[in-house]
Amino acid sequence: MKFDSILFNINLPTANPHQGALLVAEPFLKDDYFLHAVICLIDYDGGDSPAMGIVLNRQTAYSLQDLIENITVEEKIPVYCGGPVSYDRLYFLHTLGDILPGGREVRPGLWVGGDFEAMIDYINSGYPIDDRIRFFVGYSGWTKGQLSQEVEAHTWAVAEIESNDKLFTLSEDELWHDAVRSLGHEHRGWLFHPRNPHAN
């Protein structure tokens, strides 16, 4: 068995990116924003179009209460880093549908954005948050044709979302490993590369 080809091969076939897919960072990508990143692609029309996504598994030191004054619940609500673009803007993904009117459905059962005041009312009313809504500062963006080039260069593998709930309930490392496992047998070598190489 050729262990090097299992452990270090990133030149593996992958699907084409599309809105609602996951971009899974290859394990050697060392960019601070994208190390072991899993990105939900929320806006993409095709190979020659710009693209927008949100990193799902990079928690910041901030809570929602740090960023919004009129949140009244005491339990701290985590905020994640969606990417390096527009770091002064807040985004949210959720499974609440019309409970937050004005959101845009990214894939069946998963929405981005919505009425901001309705979101605050939902939280302050004490309704469940952990498995239904997640907050992000910034997003990840690609110019026309850039994402297609990066996928062709094997910077990203494209995975399907198997369960919307997993996007909100798995930890940072768990989400990356779960996404890699969903890519199939050929990508199993990626699982042996921890985010922190000193963990080996």
Protein backbone atom coordinates (compact mmCIF):
# COMPACT_ATOMS: atom_id res chain seq x y z
CA MET A 1 0.00 0.00 0.00
CA LYS A 2 1.35 3.44 -0.93
CA PHE A 3 0.89 5.38 2.31
CA ASP A 4 2.31 8.59 0.86
CA SER A 5 -0.40 8.66 -1.79
CA ILE A 6 -3.03 8.17 0.90
CA LEU A 7 -1.68 10.74 3.36
CA PHE A 8 -0.39 13.49 1.10
CA ASN A 9 -2.43 13.31 -2.10
CA ILE A 10 -4.70 16.31 -2.61
CA ASN A 11 -5.08 15.84 -6.38
CA LEU A 12 -8.37 14.06 -5.99
CA PRO A 13 -11.54 14.35 -8.06
CA THR A 14 -14.28 16.56 -6.67
CA ALA A 15 -17.71 17.82 -7.64
CA ASN A 16 -18.37 21.24 -9.11
CA PRO A 17 -19.17 24.04 -6.64
CA HIS A 18 -22.74 25.26 -6.42
CA GLN A 19 -24.89 27.31 -4.09
CA GLY A 20 -25.66 25.35 -0.94
CA ALA A 21 -22.58 23.14 -1.21
CA LEU A 22 -19.71 22.94 1.27
CA LEU A 23 -16.15 23.86 0.39
CA VAL A 24 -13.76 21.72 2.41
CA ALA A 25 -10.21 23.07 2.73
CA GLU A 26 -7.46 20.67 1.76
CA PRO A 27 -5.48 19.76 4.89
CA PHE A 28 -2.27 21.61 3.99
CA LEU A 29 -3.92 24.99 3.44
CA LYS A 30 -2.25 27.18 6.07
CA ASP A 31 -4.14 30.45 5.63
CA ASP A 32 -5.24 31.68 9.07
CA TYR A 33 -8.85 32.08 7.93
CA PHE A 34 -9.09 28.82 6.02
CA LEU A 35 -7.05 26.24 7.95
CA HIS A 36 -9.34 23.18 8.15
CA ALA A 37 -12.19 25.45 7.09
CA VAL A 38 -15.64 24.31 6.03
CA ILE A 39 -17.40 26.99 4.00
CA CYS A 40 -21.08 27.10 3.10
CA LEU A 41 -21.35 28.53 -0.40
CA ILE A 42 -24.28 30.92 -0.15
CA ASP A 43 -24.04 32.71 -3.51
CA TYR A 44 -22.70 31.16 -6.72
CA ASP A 45 -24.09 31.03 -10.24
CA GLY A 46 -21.37 29.19 -12.12
CA GLY A 47 -17.74 29.01 -13.12
CA ASP A 48 -17.35 32.56 -14.37
CA SER A 49 -19.36 34.30 -11.65
CA PRO A 50 -18.27 35.81 -8.33
CA ALA A 51 -18.90 33.67 -5.27
CA MET A 52 -19.68 34.26 -1.61
CA GLY A 53 -19.43 31.85 1.28
CA ILE A 54 -19.30 31.76 5.07
CA VAL A 55 -16.72 29.83 7.09
CA LEU A 56 -18.76 27.74 9.50
CA ASN A 57 -16.14 26.50 11.94
CA ARG A 58 -13.98 29.40 13.11
CA GLN A 59 -15.26 30.74 16.44
CA THR A 60 -14.15 34.19 17.56
CA ALA A 61 -13.63 35.48 21.09
CA TYR A 62 -16.73 37.66 20.73
CA SER A 63 -20.28 36.98 21.79
CA LEU A 64 -23.37 38.43 20.17
CA GLN A 65 -23.88 40.50 23.32
CA ASP A 66 -20.49 42.16 22.64
CA LEU A 67 -21.73 43.32 19.24
CA ILE A 68 -25.42 44.11 19.82
CA GLU A 69 -26.54 46.12 22.82
CA ASN A 70 -30.20 45.11 22.98
CA ILE A 71 -29.69 41.36 23.48
CA THR A 72 -31.17 40.65 26.91
CA VAL A 73 -30.48 36.92 27.40
CA GLU A 74 -27.60 36.27 29.81
CA GLU A 75 -26.10 33.17 28.21
CA LYS A 76 -23.34 34.24 25.85
CA ILE A 77 -24.09 33.57 22.20
CA PRO A 78 -20.93 32.76 20.20
CA VAL A 79 -19.98 34.61 17.05
CA TYR A 80 -17.93 32.99 14.28
CA CYS A 81 -15.59 34.44 11.68
CA GLY A 82 -17.23 33.99 8.29
CA GLY A 83 -14.16 35.18 6.41
CA PRO A 84 -11.81 38.08 5.81
CA VAL A 85 -14.20 40.32 3.83
CA SER A 86 -16.47 42.96 5.46
CA TYR A 87 -15.37 42.03 8.95
CA ASP A 88 -17.52 44.88 10.26
CA ARG A 89 -20.77 43.24 9.11
CA LEU A 90 -22.85 40.61 10.91
CA TYR A 91 -24.39 37.67 9.05
CA PHE A 92 -26.50 34.79 10.27
CA LEU A 93 -27.42 31.36 8.98
CA HIS A 94 -30.51 29.65 10.34
CA THR A 95 -33.13 26.96 9.91
CA LEU A 96 -36.02 29.16 11.11
CA GLY A 97 -37.54 29.95 7.73
CA ASP A 98 -40.42 32.42 7.85
CA ILE A 99 -39.98 32.92 11.59
CA LEU A 100 -37.34 35.39 10.40
CA PRO A 101 -39.02 36.94 7.33
CA GLY A 102 -36.87 38.26 4.53
CA GLY A 103 -34.21 35.56 4.67
CA ARG A 104 -32.88 33.95 1.50
CA GLU A 105 -33.03 30.17 1.20
CA VAL A 106 -29.58 28.85 0.34
CA ARG A 107 -30.68 25.22 0.14
CA PRO A 108 -33.80 23.41 1.37
CA GLY A 109 -34.26 24.28 5.03
CA LEU A 110 -31.26 26.61 5.34
CA TRP A 111 -31.53 30.40 5.13
CA VAL A 112 -29.14 33.32 5.31
CA GLY A 113 -30.22 36.63 6.83
CA GLY A 114 -33.68 37.92 7.51
CA ASP A 115 -35.43 40.62 9.48
CA PHE A 116 -32.95 41.85 12.08
CA GLU A 117 -35.52 42.96 14.63
CA ALA A 118 -37.37 39.64 14.31
CA MET A 119 -34.08 37.86 14.99
CA ILE A 120 -33.49 39.92 18.15
CA ASP A 121 -37.08 39.31 19.32
CA TYR A 122 -36.64 35.57 18.74
CA ILE A 123 -33.48 35.48 20.87
CA ASN A 124 -34.79 37.70 23.64
CA SER A 125 -37.92 35.55 23.88
CA GLY A 126 -35.75 32.64 24.98
CA TYR A 127 -36.32 30.37 21.99
CA PRO A 128 -33.67 27.74 21.07
CA ILE A 129 -30.54 29.06 19.40
CA ASP A 130 -27.74 26.48 19.49
CA ASP A 131 -29.08 24.13 16.83
CA ARG A 132 -31.02 26.68 14.77
CA ILE A 133 -29.03 29.88 14.21
CA ARG A 134 -25.36 30.86 14.05
CA PHE A 135 -23.81 34.32 13.77
CA PHE A 136 -20.78 35.40 11.76
CA VAL A 137 -18.69 38.49 11.22
CA GLY A 138 -17.32 38.83 7.71
CA TYR A 139 -17.59 36.51 4.74
CA SER A 140 -15.40 34.80 2.16
CA GLY A 141 -15.49 36.05 -1.41
CA TRP A 142 -14.11 35.11 -4.81
CA THR A 143 -13.90 37.16 -7.99
CA LYS A 144 -15.19 35.90 -11.34
CA GLY A 145 -13.63 32.55 -12.15
CA GLN A 146 -11.46 32.50 -9.02
CA LEU A 147 -13.34 29.77 -7.17
CA SER A 148 -13.36 27.47 -10.19
CA GLN A 149 -9.59 27.91 -10.48
CA GLU A 150 -9.09 27.13 -6.79
CA VAL A 151 -11.25 24.00 -7.01
CA GLU A 152 -9.30 22.88 -10.10
CA ALA A 153 -6.09 23.46 -8.12
CA HIS A 154 -7.48 21.23 -5.35
CA THR A 155 -7.48 23.99 -2.75
CA TRP A 156 -11.08 22.98 -2.01
CA ALA A 157 -13.08 19.81 -2.26
CA VAL A 158 -16.81 20.16 -2.76
CA ALA A 159 -19.16 18.27 -0.44
CA GLU A 160 -22.91 18.14 -0.08
CA ILE A 161 -24.65 19.11 3.15
CA GLU A 162 -26.02 15.88 4.55
CA SER A 163 -27.85 17.51 7.46
CA ASN A 164 -28.49 21.18 8.15
CA ASP A 165 -28.44 20.43 11.88
CA LYS A 166 -24.78 19.38 11.75
CA LEU A 167 -23.79 22.87 10.64
CA PHE A 168 -24.93 24.21 14.01
CA THR A 169 -24.15 21.38 16.41
CA LEU A 170 -20.73 19.97 15.49
CA SER A 171 -17.58 21.51 16.96
CA GLU A 172 -15.01 23.20 14.72
CA ASP A 173 -12.83 20.12 14.15
CA GLU A 174 -15.80 17.75 14.11
CA LEU A 175 -17.38 19.66 11.25
CA TRP A 176 -14.24 19.49 9.08
CA HIS A 177 -13.75 15.77 9.78
CA ASP A 178 -17.42 15.05 9.12
CA ALA A 179 -17.26 16.93 5.81
CA VAL A 180 -14.09 15.06 4.80
CA ARG A 181 -15.70 11.70 5.60
CA SER A 182 -18.66 12.66 3.41
CA LEU A 183 -16.25 13.05 0.46
CA GLY A 184 -15.73 9.31 0.40
CA HIS A 185 -12.98 6.71 0.57
CA GLU A 186 -10.49 8.52 -1.67
CA HIS A 187 -10.18 11.43 0.78
CA ARG A 188 -9.63 9.29 3.88
CA GLY A 189 -5.96 10.31 4.07
CA TRP A 190 -7.00 13.88 4.85
CA LEU A 191 -8.36 12.72 8.18
CA PHE A 192 -4.85 12.03 9.46
CA HIS A 193 -3.82 15.69 9.26
CA PRO A 194 -4.82 17.58 12.45
CA ARG A 195 -5.33 21.33 12.45
CA ASN A 196 -2.41 21.58 14.88
CA PRO A 197 0.44 19.37 13.52
CA HIS A 198 1.97 19.23 17.00
CA ALA A 199 -1.05 17.15 18.02
CA ASN A 200 0.44 14.16 16.21
